[in-house]
Protein backbone atom coordinates (compact mmCIF):
# COMPACT_ATOMS: atom_id res chain seq x y z
CA MET A 1 -29.38 140.08 56.40
CA SER A 2 -33.86 140.57 57.18
CA ASP A 3 -32.98 138.84 60.89
CA GLN A 4 -30.88 136.81 63.03
CA TYR A 5 -32.71 133.80 61.94
CA THR A 6 -31.93 134.49 58.23
CA PHE A 7 -29.38 131.44 57.33
CA THR A 8 -26.33 132.56 55.64
CA ASN A 9 -22.36 132.14 55.18
CA PRO A 10 -21.21 133.53 58.45
CA VAL A 11 -17.95 134.99 56.51
CA ASP A 12 -20.31 137.44 54.74
CA GLN A 13 -23.01 137.83 57.25
CA TYR A 14 -22.00 141.30 58.98
CA THR A 15 -19.21 142.80 56.27
CA MET A 16 -17.73 146.04 56.71
CA PRO A 17 -15.47 148.17 54.95
CA LYS A 18 -12.49 148.28 56.63
CA PRO A 19 -12.11 151.49 59.44
CA ASP A 20 -9.41 154.06 58.61
CA GLU A 21 -7.16 155.11 60.90
CA GLN A 22 -9.26 157.02 63.48
CA TYR A 23 -9.49 158.37 67.52
CA GLN A 24 -12.29 159.40 69.49
CA ASP A 25 -11.41 160.76 73.06
CA GLY A 26 -13.37 158.56 75.33
CA PRO A 27 -15.66 157.13 76.32
CA GLY A 28 -16.22 157.57 72.48
CA LEU A 29 -19.67 157.70 70.44
CA ASP A 30 -21.52 155.65 67.99
CA ALA A 31 -22.79 158.69 66.44
CA GLU A 32 -19.11 159.10 65.56
CA LEU A 33 -17.94 155.72 64.45
CA SER A 34 -16.67 155.51 61.03
CA PRO A 35 -17.92 152.66 59.83
CA ARG A 36 -21.16 152.51 62.50
CA ALA A 37 -21.68 149.69 64.15
CA ASP A 38 -24.74 146.95 63.81
CA HIS A 39 -26.58 146.70 67.06
CA GLY A 40 -29.75 144.41 65.32
CA GLU A 41 -31.51 148.22 65.00
CA LYS A 42 -33.30 146.64 61.61
CA THR A 43 -32.53 143.00 61.94
CA TYR A 44 -32.92 141.90 65.43
CA ARG A 45 -36.72 139.72 65.69
CA GLY A 46 -38.26 139.41 69.22
CA THR A 47 -40.27 136.48 69.80
CA GLY A 48 -41.43 136.89 73.48
CA ARG A 49 -38.79 134.92 75.05
CA LEU A 50 -38.60 138.24 78.04
CA THR A 51 -42.28 139.07 78.16
CA GLY A 52 -42.74 141.45 80.95
CA ARG A 53 -38.67 140.74 82.49
CA LYS A 54 -36.83 143.96 84.00
CA ALA A 55 -34.08 144.78 83.06
CA LEU A 56 -30.74 146.87 83.98
CA VAL A 57 -27.97 146.90 81.12
CA THR A 58 -24.74 148.99 81.76
CA GLY A 59 -22.98 150.38 78.72
CA ALA A 60 -26.25 150.89 77.39
CA ASP A 61 -25.59 153.85 74.96
CA SER A 62 -23.13 151.67 72.57
CA GLY A 63 -21.63 148.80 71.34
CA ILE A 64 -22.83 145.35 73.27
CA GLY A 65 -25.23 147.07 75.61
CA ARG A 66 -26.81 148.96 73.00
CA ALA A 67 -27.66 145.58 71.36
CA VAL A 68 -28.66 143.47 74.33
CA ALA A 69 -30.64 146.61 75.60
CA ILE A 70 -32.79 146.46 71.86
CA ALA A 71 -32.98 142.58 71.52
CA PHE A 72 -34.24 142.53 75.26
CA ALA A 73 -37.06 145.44 74.79
CA ARG A 74 -37.90 143.54 71.30
CA GLU A 75 -38.22 139.80 73.99
CA GLY A 76 -40.78 142.19 75.95
CA ALA A 77 -38.53 143.58 78.42
CA ASP A 78 -38.28 147.04 79.71
CA VAL A 79 -34.56 148.41 80.62
CA VAL A 80 -32.91 150.85 82.80
CA LEU A 81 -30.04 151.74 79.95
CA SER A 82 -27.19 153.16 81.92
CA TYR A 83 -24.38 155.32 80.42
CA LEU A 84 -21.89 157.97 80.77
CA PRO A 85 -23.17 161.57 80.55
CA GLU A 86 -21.41 162.05 77.57
CA GLU A 87 -22.68 159.33 75.95
CA ALA A 88 -26.19 160.97 76.47
CA GLU A 89 -26.62 161.19 72.17
CA ASP A 90 -25.85 157.75 71.80
CA ALA A 91 -28.46 156.59 74.71
CA GLU A 92 -31.06 158.82 73.77
CA ALA A 93 -31.45 157.04 70.66
CA VAL A 94 -31.23 153.46 72.06
CA ALA A 95 -34.22 154.43 74.52
CA LYS A 96 -36.28 156.02 71.53
CA LEU A 97 -35.96 152.09 69.75
CA VAL A 98 -36.89 150.28 73.42
CA THR A 99 -40.20 152.63 73.24
CA GLU A 100 -40.79 152.04 69.60
CA ALA A 101 -40.63 148.21 70.65
CA GLY A 102 -43.56 149.03 73.15
CA ARG A 103 -41.26 149.12 76.35
CA THR A 104 -40.61 150.89 79.45
CA ALA A 105 -36.88 152.48 78.90
CA VAL A 106 -35.38 154.64 81.83
CA LEU A 107 -32.23 157.20 80.88
CA ALA A 108 -29.46 156.26 84.24
CA PRO A 109 -26.55 158.55 83.04
CA GLY A 110 -23.78 158.00 85.40
CA ASP A 111 -20.32 156.81 86.21
CA VAL A 112 -20.56 152.93 87.04
CA SER A 113 -16.84 153.35 89.27
CA ASP A 114 -18.77 155.50 91.39
CA GLU A 115 -20.18 153.43 94.13
CA ARG A 116 -22.67 155.84 95.06
CA TYR A 117 -23.98 155.71 91.22
CA ALA A 118 -23.85 152.54 90.99
CA ARG A 119 -25.67 150.94 94.03
CA GLY A 120 -28.33 153.81 93.39
CA LEU A 121 -28.45 152.28 90.12
CA VAL A 122 -30.05 149.41 91.16
CA GLN A 123 -32.71 151.22 93.44
CA LYS A 124 -33.55 153.32 90.54
CA ALA A 125 -33.94 150.27 88.36
CA VAL A 126 -36.25 148.70 91.33
CA THR A 127 -38.48 152.19 91.35
CA GLU A 128 -38.98 152.95 88.01
CA LEU A 129 -39.84 149.83 86.71
CA GLY A 130 -41.22 148.35 89.69
CA GLY A 131 -39.10 145.47 90.30
CA LEU A 132 -35.88 143.79 88.60
CA ASP A 133 -34.93 140.42 87.65
CA LEU A 134 -32.17 140.97 85.01
CA VAL A 135 -28.79 142.27 85.37
CA VAL A 136 -26.32 143.03 82.90
CA ASN A 137 -22.95 144.06 83.44
CA VAL A 138 -21.43 145.44 79.96
CA ALA A 139 -19.98 149.14 80.58
CA GLY A 140 -16.18 148.53 80.90
CA ARG A 141 -13.07 150.91 80.15
CA GLN A 142 -10.23 149.31 77.59
CA GLN A 143 -7.29 151.63 76.64
CA THR A 144 -4.13 150.17 75.15
CA ALA A 145 -0.32 150.89 76.31
CA GLU A 146 2.64 149.40 74.54
CA LYS A 147 5.04 148.75 77.98
CA LEU A 148 3.44 148.14 81.76
CA GLU A 149 5.61 151.72 82.60
CA ASP A 150 3.33 153.16 80.75
CA ILE A 151 0.17 152.42 82.75
CA THR A 152 -0.39 155.24 85.67
CA THR A 153 -1.78 154.23 88.59
CA GLU A 154 -5.07 156.38 87.70
CA SER A 155 -5.60 154.52 84.91
CA PHE A 156 -4.97 151.23 86.28
CA ASP A 157 -7.46 152.06 88.97
CA THR A 158 -10.06 153.71 86.93
CA THR A 159 -9.95 150.14 84.92
CA VAL A 160 -10.38 147.97 87.33
CA ARG A 161 -13.52 150.35 89.34
CA THR A 162 -14.89 150.07 86.03
CA ASN A 163 -14.52 146.92 85.06
CA LEU A 164 -15.04 144.86 88.45
CA HIS A 165 -16.05 147.62 91.41
CA ALA A 166 -18.95 148.05 89.55
CA MET A 167 -19.93 144.80 88.78
CA PHE A 168 -19.30 143.67 92.36
CA TRP A 169 -21.52 146.41 93.56
CA ILE A 170 -24.31 146.42 91.55
CA CYS A 171 -24.68 142.48 91.60
CA GLN A 172 -25.04 142.98 95.50
CA GLU A 173 -26.99 145.74 95.90
CA ALA A 174 -29.36 143.96 93.33
CA LEU A 175 -29.39 140.96 95.55
CA PRO A 176 -32.18 141.96 97.86
CA HIS A 177 -34.90 142.68 94.90
CA LEU A 178 -33.42 139.51 92.61
CA PRO A 179 -36.74 136.67 93.16
CA ALA A 180 -36.06 133.46 92.07
CA GLY A 181 -35.64 132.94 87.98
CA SER A 182 -33.67 135.91 87.96
CA ALA A 183 -29.96 136.29 86.07
CA ILE A 184 -27.07 138.01 86.29
CA ILE A 185 -24.74 138.43 83.28
CA ASN A 186 -21.63 139.83 83.17
CA THR A 187 -19.16 140.38 80.36
CA SER A 188 -15.96 138.90 80.06
CA SER A 189 -13.22 138.88 76.72
CA VAL A 190 -11.72 136.66 74.36
CA GLN A 191 -8.77 138.85 76.47
CA ALA A 192 -9.31 136.44 79.48
CA TYR A 193 -7.64 133.31 77.35
CA SER A 194 -5.35 134.74 74.93
CA PRO A 195 -4.03 138.15 76.56
CA SER A 196 -2.17 140.77 74.37
CA PRO A 197 0.97 142.56 75.41
CA THR A 198 -0.46 145.89 75.07
CA LEU A 199 -3.71 144.85 77.39
CA VAL A 200 -2.10 143.91 80.35
CA ASP A 201 -4.82 145.52 83.14
CA TYR A 202 -8.02 145.07 80.75
CA ALA A 203 -7.01 141.75 80.54
CA MET A 204 -6.50 140.60 84.36
CA THR A 205 -9.87 142.48 84.77
CA LYS A 206 -11.82 140.16 82.39
CA ALA A 207 -10.33 137.39 83.55
CA ALA A 208 -11.18 138.27 87.16
CA ILE A 209 -14.79 138.73 85.87
CA ASN A 210 -14.68 134.63 84.78
CA THR A 211 -13.67 133.62 88.55
CA PHE A 212 -16.20 136.09 89.96
CA SER A 213 -19.08 134.95 88.66
CA LYS A 214 -18.74 130.87 88.87
CA ALA A 215 -18.04 131.30 92.18
CA LEU A 216 -21.29 133.87 92.39
CA ALA A 217 -22.46 131.45 90.67
CA GLN A 218 -22.26 128.41 92.64
CA GLN A 219 -23.49 130.64 95.92
CA LEU A 220 -26.48 131.86 94.20
CA ALA A 221 -27.91 128.69 92.43
CA PRO A 222 -29.80 127.34 95.46
CA ARG A 223 -31.71 130.72 95.60
CA GLY A 224 -32.65 129.99 91.78
CA ILE A 225 -30.71 132.99 90.82
CA ARG A 226 -28.55 132.48 87.75
CA VAL A 227 -24.87 133.90 86.65
CA ASN A 228 -23.18 133.35 83.80
CA VAL A 229 -20.71 135.67 81.12
CA VAL A 230 -20.43 136.51 77.78
CA ALA A 231 -16.84 136.49 76.67
CA PRO A 232 -16.92 138.00 72.81
CA GLY A 233 -13.83 138.22 71.11
CA PRO A 234 -12.76 141.78 68.86
CA ILE A 235 -16.49 143.58 68.34
CA TRP A 236 -16.95 146.74 66.28
CA THR A 237 -17.56 149.46 68.99
CA PRO A 238 -16.78 152.66 69.90
CA LEU A 239 -14.58 151.46 72.66
CA GLN A 240 -12.21 150.33 70.16
CA VAL A 241 -11.32 153.82 68.37
CA ALA A 242 -11.18 155.61 71.99
CA GLY A 243 -8.22 154.30 73.25
CA GLY A 244 -8.94 150.71 73.15
CA GLN A 245 -6.70 149.89 70.32
CA PRO A 246 -3.97 151.26 68.30
CA THR A 247 -4.46 154.19 65.82
CA GLU A 248 -2.48 152.45 63.32
CA ALA A 249 -4.22 148.66 63.73
CA LEU A 250 -7.72 149.90 63.23
CA PRO A 251 -7.48 148.88 59.65
CA GLU A 252 -6.79 145.40 60.31
CA PHE A 253 -9.06 145.11 63.61
CA GLY A 254 -10.27 141.22 63.75
CA GLN A 255 -9.18 140.11 60.41
CA GLN A 256 -7.26 137.80 62.73
CA THR A 257 -10.09 135.41 63.39
CA PRO A 258 -11.03 132.71 61.35
CA LEU A 259 -14.24 134.17 60.48
CA GLY A 260 -11.39 136.82 58.81
CA ARG A 261 -13.54 140.08 60.32
CA PRO A 262 -14.49 141.84 63.24
CA GLY A 263 -17.63 140.66 64.96
CA GLN A 264 -20.92 143.04 65.31
CA PRO A 265 -22.42 144.02 68.64
CA ALA A 266 -25.63 142.79 67.09
CA GLU A 267 -23.74 139.14 67.00
CA LEU A 268 -23.88 139.26 71.11
CA ALA A 269 -27.16 140.33 71.64
CA PRO A 270 -28.87 136.48 71.22
CA ALA A 271 -26.08 135.15 73.64
CA TYR A 272 -27.39 137.82 76.26
CA VAL A 273 -31.35 136.58 75.77
CA TYR A 274 -30.47 133.16 75.83
CA LEU A 275 -29.20 133.43 79.31
CA ALA A 276 -31.42 135.48 80.15
CA SER A 277 -34.57 133.31 79.02
CA ALA A 278 -35.73 130.77 81.19
CA GLU A 279 -34.50 128.63 78.09
CA SER A 280 -31.26 128.59 79.71
CA GLY A 281 -32.32 127.45 82.85
CA TYR A 282 -29.62 124.70 83.40
CA THR A 283 -27.15 127.20 82.55
CA VAL A 284 -25.19 128.60 85.49
CA GLY A 285 -21.45 129.82 85.99
CA GLU A 286 -20.84 129.31 81.83
CA THR A 287 -18.85 131.46 80.04
CA LEU A 288 -20.23 131.37 76.47
CA THR A 289 -17.62 133.04 73.83
CA VAL A 290 -18.89 134.86 70.57
CA THR A 291 -15.01 135.02 69.20
CA GLY A 292 -15.21 134.38 65.71
CA GLY A 293 -13.73 131.15 65.89
CA MET A 294 -10.69 132.65 68.19
CA PRO A 295 -9.70 129.45 70.21
CA THR A 296 -10.95 129.60 74.42
CA PRO A 297 -10.22 126.56 76.95
């Protein structure tokens, strides 16, 4: 595929070899993922849809966040990249791609489950970029558990703090800085609609993200700030091999979709670009699902 505008059969658009059974200690690195994910590094073509915008993207080192950062930069936005310190190798590769697109990349390592860091992240974005008008919450934690009894309180709390508390803190901290025309984009999942029995806590948080975003969207719409959500299906990222899926299930990952394959992070980026750009100005409080055909309400 030459770029995201090339006419092609979606069944074959992002085919990849079946992954082997593999495991990485969390949070996982794209540099060690096999096969490597496609974030649009060689294919995403920007058309100036976000020229001059100032964006904060969490989970920007790999997976969906990485694809969003690349796409935003190629559309003309400067980007603050939030990631865990142990993901520095991946994050530095993303920063290089952002600067090669002629935009500013600000590296901001830390853990969004820590309130002080999460709130400070917004202040860093405002200081380093001279303002903020796009907030994209992608960072998330997903750990498979065969039985509810297998989920410890510590693990449950970490998932909730990463997936929900961080979103709340970042949105709340950002509001005083967001002018009319700004956009907040949160990340849910097909798990919010069709939860797997082994992802009880993760699925719960993703449903909550939808509800939080729909309520906040109504509150902020009169101020000219739009809130929307992207809900991915099974996407090939390091999250899946770092406890997000049972290791033995990885070779068949994504095969249950009508397209018969997992999605690539590059296939999510256009959804975020659309919701960030002015062309979606009448789209408020919506959840845009990108699931490979898996039905949602």
